[in-house]
Amino acid sequence: MEENKEQFERALYLKNKGIVKVWQGKTEDSFLKVIFGLYKDLDKIEDNFKKLPKIESGNKKIAKIILGLC
């Protein structure tokens, strides 16, 4: 996990902002709970994403595309 520490910290930051769900489990059931949680909370996640400060890179555009896929 040490090699992915920074990436994991960024994921937890976004999780705390209510923008992403982070799967840390090892079972299919725990993975499905995260997926269904994403679907259930999609509107809230999108609202939380809009509250983020403006991102100058292409990240915001890509995230909108990803949100649009759901």
PDB file of N, CA and C in Angstrom:
ATOM      1  N   MET A   1       0.825  -1.195   0.000  1.00  0.00           N
ATOM      2  CA  MET A   1       0.000   0.000   0.000  1.00  0.00           C
ATOM      3  C   MET A   1       0.866   1.254   0.000  1.00  0.00           C
ATOM      4  N   GLU A   2       2.077   1.156   0.470  1.00  0.00           N
ATOM      5  CA  GLU A   2       2.942   2.331   0.574  1.00  0.00           C
ATOM      6  C   GLU A   2       3.119   3.037  -0.772  1.00  0.00           C
ATOM      7  N   GLU A   3       3.230   2.269  -1.862  1.00  0.00           N
ATOM      8  CA  GLU A   3       3.430   2.883  -3.170  1.00  0.00           C
ATOM      9  C   GLU A   3       2.202   3.658  -3.651  1.00  0.00           C
ATOM     10  N   ASN A   4       1.033   3.377  -3.085  1.00  0.00           N
ATOM     11  CA  ASN A   4      -0.202   4.064  -3.474  1.00  0.00           C
ATOM     12  C   ASN A   4      -0.712   5.012  -2.392  1.00  0.00           C
ATOM     13  N   LYS A   5       0.147   5.341  -1.433  1.00  0.00           N
ATOM     14  CA  LYS A   5      -0.288   6.131  -0.283  1.00  0.00           C
ATOM     15  C   LYS A   5      -0.875   7.482  -0.697  1.00  0.00           C
ATOM     16  N   GLU A   6      -0.198   8.211  -1.577  1.00  0.00           N
ATOM     17  CA  GLU A   6      -0.692   9.527  -1.989  1.00  0.00           C
ATOM     18  C   GLU A   6      -2.025   9.414  -2.718  1.00  0.00           C
ATOM     19  N   GLN A   7      -2.147   8.434  -3.575  1.00  0.00           N
ATOM     20  CA  GLN A   7      -3.389   8.242  -4.311  1.00  0.00           C
ATOM     21  C   GLN A   7      -4.532   7.899  -3.344  1.00  0.00           C
ATOM     22  N   PHE A   8      -4.247   7.073  -2.362  1.00  0.00           N
ATOM     23  CA  PHE A   8      -5.236   6.704  -1.367  1.00  0.00           C
ATOM     24  C   PHE A   8      -5.641   7.920  -0.533  1.00  0.00           C
ATOM     25  N   GLU A   9      -4.676   8.758  -0.174  1.00  0.00           N
ATOM     26  CA  GLU A   9      -4.982   9.976   0.586  1.00  0.00           C
ATOM     27  C   GLU A   9      -5.880  10.911  -0.215  1.00  0.00           C
ATOM     28  N   ARG A  10      -5.627  11.035  -1.507  1.00  0.00           N
ATOM     29  CA  ARG A  10      -6.496  11.872  -2.354  1.00  0.00           C
ATOM     30  C   ARG A  10      -7.896  11.286  -2.428  1.00  0.00           C
ATOM     31  N   ALA A  11      -7.980   9.971  -2.532  1.00  0.00           N
ATOM     32  CA  ALA A  11      -9.285   9.310  -2.581  1.00  0.00           C
ATOM     33  C   ALA A  11     -10.057   9.543  -1.278  1.00  0.00           C
ATOM     34  N   LEU A  12      -9.384   9.449  -0.148  1.00  0.00           N
ATOM     35  CA  LEU A  12     -10.057   9.696   1.133  1.00  0.00           C
ATOM     36  C   LEU A  12     -10.491  11.149   1.265  1.00  0.00           C
ATOM     37  N   TYR A  13      -9.693  12.079   0.736  1.00  0.00           N
ATOM     38  CA  TYR A  13     -10.077  13.492   0.743  1.00  0.00           C
ATOM     39  C   TYR A  13     -11.389  13.678  -0.018  1.00  0.00           C
ATOM     40  N   LEU A  14     -11.463  13.098  -1.211  1.00  0.00           N
ATOM     41  CA  LEU A  14     -12.678  13.216  -2.015  1.00  0.00           C
ATOM     42  C   LEU A  14     -13.842  12.477  -1.360  1.00  0.00           C
ATOM     43  N   LYS A  15     -13.568  11.376  -0.699  1.00  0.00           N
ATOM     44  CA  LYS A  15     -14.617  10.654   0.029  1.00  0.00           C
ATOM     45  C   LYS A  15     -15.181  11.542   1.140  1.00  0.00           C
ATOM     46  N   ASN A  16     -14.297  12.208   1.876  1.00  0.00           N
ATOM     47  CA  ASN A  16     -14.742  13.088   2.960  1.00  0.00           C
ATOM     48  C   ASN A  16     -15.529  14.282   2.444  1.00  0.00           C
ATOM     49  N   LYS A  17     -15.278  14.683   1.214  1.00  0.00           N
ATOM     50  CA  LYS A  17     -16.038  15.761   0.576  1.00  0.00           C
ATOM     51  C   LYS A  17     -17.364  15.258   0.007  1.00  0.00           C
ATOM     52  N   GLY A  18     -17.583  13.946   0.062  1.00  0.00           N
ATOM     53  CA  GLY A  18     -18.821  13.369  -0.448  1.00  0.00           C
ATOM     54  C   GLY A  18     -18.877  13.258  -1.949  1.00  0.00           C
ATOM     55  N   ILE A  19     -17.720  13.116  -2.572  1.00  0.00           N
ATOM     56  CA  ILE A  19     -17.656  13.102  -4.030  1.00  0.00           C
ATOM     57  C   ILE A  19     -17.415  11.709  -4.589  1.00  0.00           C
ATOM     58  N   VAL A  20     -16.764  10.867  -3.839  1.00  0.00           N
ATOM     59  CA  VAL A  20     -16.496   9.509  -4.294  1.00  0.00           C
ATOM     60  C   VAL A  20     -16.811   8.524  -3.177  1.00  0.00           C
ATOM     61  N   LYS A  21     -16.925   7.277  -3.557  1.00  0.00           N
ATOM     62  CA  LYS A  21     -17.000   6.171  -2.609  1.00  0.00           C
ATOM     63  C   LYS A  21     -15.689   5.399  -2.748  1.00  0.00           C
ATOM     64  N   VAL A  22     -15.153   4.943  -1.653  1.00  0.00           N
ATOM     65  CA  VAL A  22     -13.894   4.215  -1.673  1.00  0.00           C
ATOM     66  C   VAL A  22     -14.146   2.789  -1.217  1.00  0.00           C
ATOM     67  N   TRP A  23     -13.753   1.858  -2.048  1.00  0.00           N
ATOM     68  CA  TRP A  23     -13.912   0.445  -1.703  1.00  0.00           C
ATOM     69  C   TRP A  23     -12.607  -0.048  -1.108  1.00  0.00           C
ATOM     70  N   GLN A  24     -12.667  -0.509   0.125  1.00  0.00           N
ATOM     71  CA  GLN A  24     -11.490  -1.036   0.794  1.00  0.00           C
ATOM     72  C   GLN A  24     -11.670  -2.506   1.158  1.00  0.00           C
ATOM     73  N   GLY A  25     -12.797  -3.050   0.791  1.00  0.00           N
ATOM     74  CA  GLY A  25     -13.090  -4.428   1.148  1.00  0.00           C
ATOM     75  C   GLY A  25     -12.388  -5.422   0.254  1.00  0.00           C
ATOM     76  N   LYS A  26     -12.663  -6.665   0.521  1.00  0.00           N
ATOM     77  CA  LYS A  26     -12.050  -7.734  -0.266  1.00  0.00           C
ATOM     78  C   LYS A  26     -13.088  -8.681  -0.830  1.00  0.00           C
ATOM     79  N   THR A  27     -14.352  -8.448  -0.529  1.00  0.00           N
ATOM     80  CA  THR A  27     -15.383  -9.375  -0.984  1.00  0.00           C
ATOM     81  C   THR A  27     -16.229  -8.738  -2.071  1.00  0.00           C
ATOM     82  N   GLU A  28     -16.868  -9.583  -2.842  1.00  0.00           N
ATOM     83  CA  GLU A  28     -17.772  -9.096  -3.876  1.00  0.00           C
ATOM     84  C   GLU A  28     -18.943  -8.342  -3.258  1.00  0.00           C
ATOM     85  N   ASP A  29     -19.436  -8.819  -2.123  1.00  0.00           N
ATOM     86  CA  ASP A  29     -20.552  -8.150  -1.464  1.00  0.00           C
ATOM     87  C   ASP A  29     -20.189  -6.725  -1.066  1.00  0.00           C
ATOM     88  N   SER A  30     -18.995  -6.540  -0.515  1.00  0.00           N
ATOM     89  CA  SER A  30     -18.601  -5.194  -0.110  1.00  0.00           C
ATOM     90  C   SER A  30     -18.420  -4.293  -1.334  1.00  0.00           C
ATOM     91  N   PHE A  31     -17.956  -4.853  -2.436  1.00  0.00           N
ATOM     92  CA  PHE A  31     -17.824  -4.079  -3.670  1.00  0.00           C
ATOM     93  C   PHE A  31     -19.198  -3.659  -4.187  1.00  0.00           C
ATOM     94  N   LEU A  32     -20.139  -4.591  -4.166  1.00  0.00           N
ATOM     95  CA  LEU A  32     -21.489  -4.271  -4.629  1.00  0.00           C
ATOM     96  C   LEU A  32     -22.149  -3.216  -3.761  1.00  0.00           C
ATOM     97  N   LYS A  33     -21.891  -3.235  -2.465  1.00  0.00           N
ATOM     98  CA  LYS A  33     -22.443  -2.205  -1.577  1.00  0.00           C
ATOM     99  C   LYS A  33     -21.947  -0.820  -1.988  1.00  0.00           C
ATOM    100  N   VAL A  34     -20.680  -0.724  -2.354  1.00  0.00           N
ATOM    101  CA  VAL A  34     -20.130   0.556  -2.799  1.00  0.00           C
ATOM    102  C   VAL A  34     -20.797   0.990  -4.099  1.00  0.00           C
ATOM    103  N   ILE A  35     -20.943   0.079  -5.039  1.00  0.00           N
ATOM    104  CA  ILE A  35     -21.559   0.399  -6.325  1.00  0.00           C
ATOM    105  C   ILE A  35     -23.005   0.855  -6.137  1.00  0.00           C
ATOM    106  N   PHE A  36     -23.777   0.114  -5.351  1.00  0.00           N
ATOM    107  CA  PHE A  36     -25.162   0.507  -5.113  1.00  0.00           C
ATOM    108  C   PHE A  36     -25.234   1.816  -4.340  1.00  0.00           C
ATOM    109  N   GLY A  37     -24.280   2.051  -3.449  1.00  0.00           N
ATOM    110  CA  GLY A  37     -24.223   3.317  -2.726  1.00  0.00           C
ATOM    111  C   GLY A  37     -23.955   4.485  -3.659  1.00  0.00           C
ATOM    112  N   LEU A  38     -23.102   4.271  -4.649  1.00  0.00           N
ATOM    113  CA  LEU A  38     -22.855   5.302  -5.655  1.00  0.00           C
ATOM    114  C   LEU A  38     -24.140   5.644  -6.391  1.00  0.00           C
ATOM    115  N   TYR A  39     -24.843   4.632  -6.815  1.00  0.00           N
ATOM    116  CA  TYR A  39     -26.083   4.843  -7.563  1.00  0.00           C
ATOM    117  C   TYR A  39     -27.117   5.573  -6.708  1.00  0.00           C
ATOM    118  N   LYS A  40     -27.250   5.147  -5.465  1.00  0.00           N
ATOM    119  CA  LYS A  40     -28.241   5.735  -4.562  1.00  0.00           C
ATOM    120  C   LYS A  40     -27.919   7.201  -4.269  1.00  0.00           C
ATOM    121  N   ASP A  41     -26.640   7.531  -4.154  1.00  0.00           N
ATOM    122  CA  ASP A  41     -26.221   8.874  -3.754  1.00  0.00           C
ATOM    123  C   ASP A  41     -25.758   9.741  -4.919  1.00  0.00           C
ATOM    124  N   LEU A  42     -26.033   9.352  -6.130  1.00  0.00           N
ATOM    125  CA  LEU A  42     -25.487  10.039  -7.296  1.00  0.00           C
ATOM    126  C   LEU A  42     -25.828  11.527  -7.325  1.00  0.00           C
ATOM    127  N   ASP A  43     -27.063  11.896  -7.033  1.00  0.00           N
ATOM    128  CA  ASP A  43     -27.437  13.318  -7.043  1.00  0.00           C
ATOM    129  C   ASP A  43     -26.656  14.103  -5.991  1.00  0.00           C
ATOM    130  N   LYS A  44     -26.524  13.509  -4.797  1.00  0.00           N
ATOM    131  CA  LYS A  44     -25.780  14.165  -3.723  1.00  0.00           C
ATOM    132  C   LYS A  44     -24.300  14.291  -4.097  1.00  0.00           C
ATOM    133  N   ILE A  45     -23.752  13.262  -4.712  1.00  0.00           N
ATOM    134  CA  ILE A  45     -22.357  13.286  -5.132  1.00  0.00           C
ATOM    135  C   ILE A  45     -22.137  14.384  -6.168  1.00  0.00           C
ATOM    136  N   GLU A  46     -23.048  14.483  -7.108  1.00  0.00           N
ATOM    137  CA  GLU A  46     -22.930  15.517  -8.143  1.00  0.00           C
ATOM    138  C   GLU A  46     -23.014  16.907  -7.526  1.00  0.00           C
ATOM    139  N   ASP A  47     -23.918  17.121  -6.580  1.00  0.00           N
ATOM    140  CA  ASP A  47     -24.021  18.418  -5.895  1.00  0.00           C
ATOM    141  C   ASP A  47     -22.737  18.735  -5.138  1.00  0.00           C
ATOM    142  N   ASN A  48     -22.191  17.740  -4.453  1.00  0.00           N
ATOM    143  CA  ASN A  48     -20.944  17.955  -3.718  1.00  0.00           C
ATOM    144  C   ASN A  48     -19.790  18.272  -4.662  1.00  0.00           C
ATOM    145  N   PHE A  49     -19.785  17.633  -5.811  1.00  0.00           N
ATOM    146  CA  PHE A  49     -18.739  17.899  -6.800  1.00  0.00           C
ATOM    147  C   PHE A  49     -18.807  19.346  -7.277  1.00  0.00           C
ATOM    148  N   LYS A  50     -20.009  19.848  -7.470  1.00  0.00           N
ATOM    149  CA  LYS A  50     -20.177  21.230  -7.933  1.00  0.00           C
ATOM    150  C   LYS A  50     -19.678  22.241  -6.906  1.00  0.00           C
ATOM    151  N   LYS A  51     -19.596  21.849  -5.646  1.00  0.00           N
ATOM    152  CA  LYS A  51     -19.131  22.747  -4.588  1.00  0.00           C
ATOM    153  C   LYS A  51     -17.609  22.857  -4.521  1.00  0.00           C
ATOM    154  N   LEU A  52     -16.918  21.978  -5.222  1.00  0.00           N
ATOM    155  CA  LEU A  52     -15.458  22.039  -5.220  1.00  0.00           C
ATOM    156  C   LEU A  52     -14.994  23.328  -5.880  1.00  0.00           C
ATOM    157  N   PRO A  53     -13.852  23.833  -5.452  1.00  0.00           N
ATOM    158  CA  PRO A  53     -13.295  25.008  -6.147  1.00  0.00           C
ATOM    159  C   PRO A  53     -13.028  24.671  -7.613  1.00  0.00           C
ATOM    160  N   LYS A  54     -13.062  25.692  -8.439  1.00  0.00           N
ATOM    161  CA  LYS A  54     -12.841  25.480  -9.871  1.00  0.00           C
ATOM    162  C   LYS A  54     -11.475  24.833 -10.104  1.00  0.00           C
ATOM    163  N   ILE A  55     -11.481  23.791 -10.895  1.00  0.00           N
ATOM    164  CA  ILE A  55     -10.251  23.081 -11.232  1.00  0.00           C
ATOM    165  C   ILE A  55      -9.833  23.540 -12.629  1.00  0.00           C
ATOM    166  N   GLU A  56      -8.632  24.043 -12.739  1.00  0.00           N
ATOM    167  CA  GLU A  56      -8.174  24.589 -14.015  1.00  0.00           C
ATOM    168  C   GLU A  56      -7.753  23.509 -15.009  1.00  0.00           C
ATOM    169  N   SER A  57      -7.419  22.347 -14.532  1.00  0.00           N
ATOM    170  CA  SER A  57      -6.999  21.294 -15.446  1.00  0.00           C
ATOM    171  C   SER A  57      -8.218  20.636 -16.081  1.00  0.00           C
ATOM    172  N   GLY A  58      -8.001  19.600 -16.837  1.00  0.00           N
ATOM    173  CA  GLY A  58      -9.087  18.888 -17.483  1.00  0.00           C
ATOM    174  C   GLY A  58      -9.829  17.951 -16.553  1.00  0.00           C
ATOM    175  N   ASN A  59      -9.448  17.889 -15.290  1.00  0.00           N
ATOM    176  CA  ASN A  59     -10.058  16.952 -14.358  1.00  0.00           C
ATOM    177  C   ASN A  59     -11.557  17.164 -14.210  1.00  0.00           C
ATOM    178  N   LYS A  60     -11.991  18.420 -14.134  1.00  0.00           N
ATOM    179  CA  LYS A  60     -13.416  18.694 -13.941  1.00  0.00           C
ATOM    180  C   LYS A  60     -14.214  18.243 -15.165  1.00  0.00           C
ATOM    181  N   LYS A  61     -13.690  18.517 -16.328  1.00  0.00           N
ATOM    182  CA  LYS A  61     -14.366  18.105 -17.558  1.00  0.00           C
ATOM    183  C   LYS A  61     -14.487  16.581 -17.617  1.00  0.00           C
ATOM    184  N   ILE A  62     -13.432  15.891 -17.294  1.00  0.00           N
ATOM    185  CA  ILE A  62     -13.445  14.420 -17.312  1.00  0.00           C
ATOM    186  C   ILE A  62     -14.418  13.888 -16.267  1.00  0.00           C
ATOM    187  N   ALA A  63     -14.416  14.484 -15.079  1.00  0.00           N
ATOM    188  CA  ALA A  63     -15.322  14.030 -14.019  1.00  0.00           C
ATOM    189  C   ALA A  63     -16.779  14.218 -14.447  1.00  0.00           C
ATOM    190  N   LYS A  64     -17.094  15.323 -15.125  1.00  0.00           N
ATOM    191  CA  LYS A  64     -18.460  15.528 -15.619  1.00  0.00           C
ATOM    192  C   LYS A  64     -18.834  14.454 -16.625  1.00  0.00           C
ATOM    193  N   ILE A  65     -17.913  14.098 -17.471  1.00  0.00           N
ATOM    194  CA  ILE A  65     -18.171  13.038 -18.452  1.00  0.00           C
ATOM    195  C   ILE A  65     -18.444  11.728 -17.731  1.00  0.00           C
ATOM    196  N   ILE A  66     -17.641  11.430 -16.721  1.00  0.00           N
ATOM    197  CA  ILE A  66     -17.822  10.198 -15.959  1.00  0.00           C
ATOM    198  C   ILE A  66     -19.183  10.206 -15.264  1.00  0.00           C
ATOM    199  N   LEU A  67     -19.536  11.332 -14.629  1.00  0.00           N
ATOM    200  CA  LEU A  67     -20.840  11.422 -13.962  1.00  0.00           C
ATOM    201  C   LEU A  67     -21.986  11.281 -14.959  1.00  0.00           C
ATOM    202  N   GLY A  68     -21.770  11.764 -16.176  1.00  0.00           N
ATOM    203  CA  GLY A  68     -22.792  11.666 -17.207  1.00  0.00           C
ATOM    204  C   GLY A  68     -23.023  10.245 -17.708  1.00  0.00           C
ATOM    205  N   LEU A  69     -22.095   9.359 -17.430  1.00  0.00           N
ATOM    206  CA  LEU A  69     -22.234   7.971 -17.881  1.00  0.00           C
ATOM    207  C   LEU A  69     -23.236   7.185 -17.037  1.00  0.00           C
ATOM    208  N   CYS A  70     -23.513   7.685 -15.852  1.00  0.00           N
ATOM    209  CA  CYS A  70     -24.393   6.947 -14.941  1.00  0.00           C
ATOM    210  C   CYS A  70     -25.855   7.206 -15.246  1.00  0.00           C
TER     211      CYS A  70
END
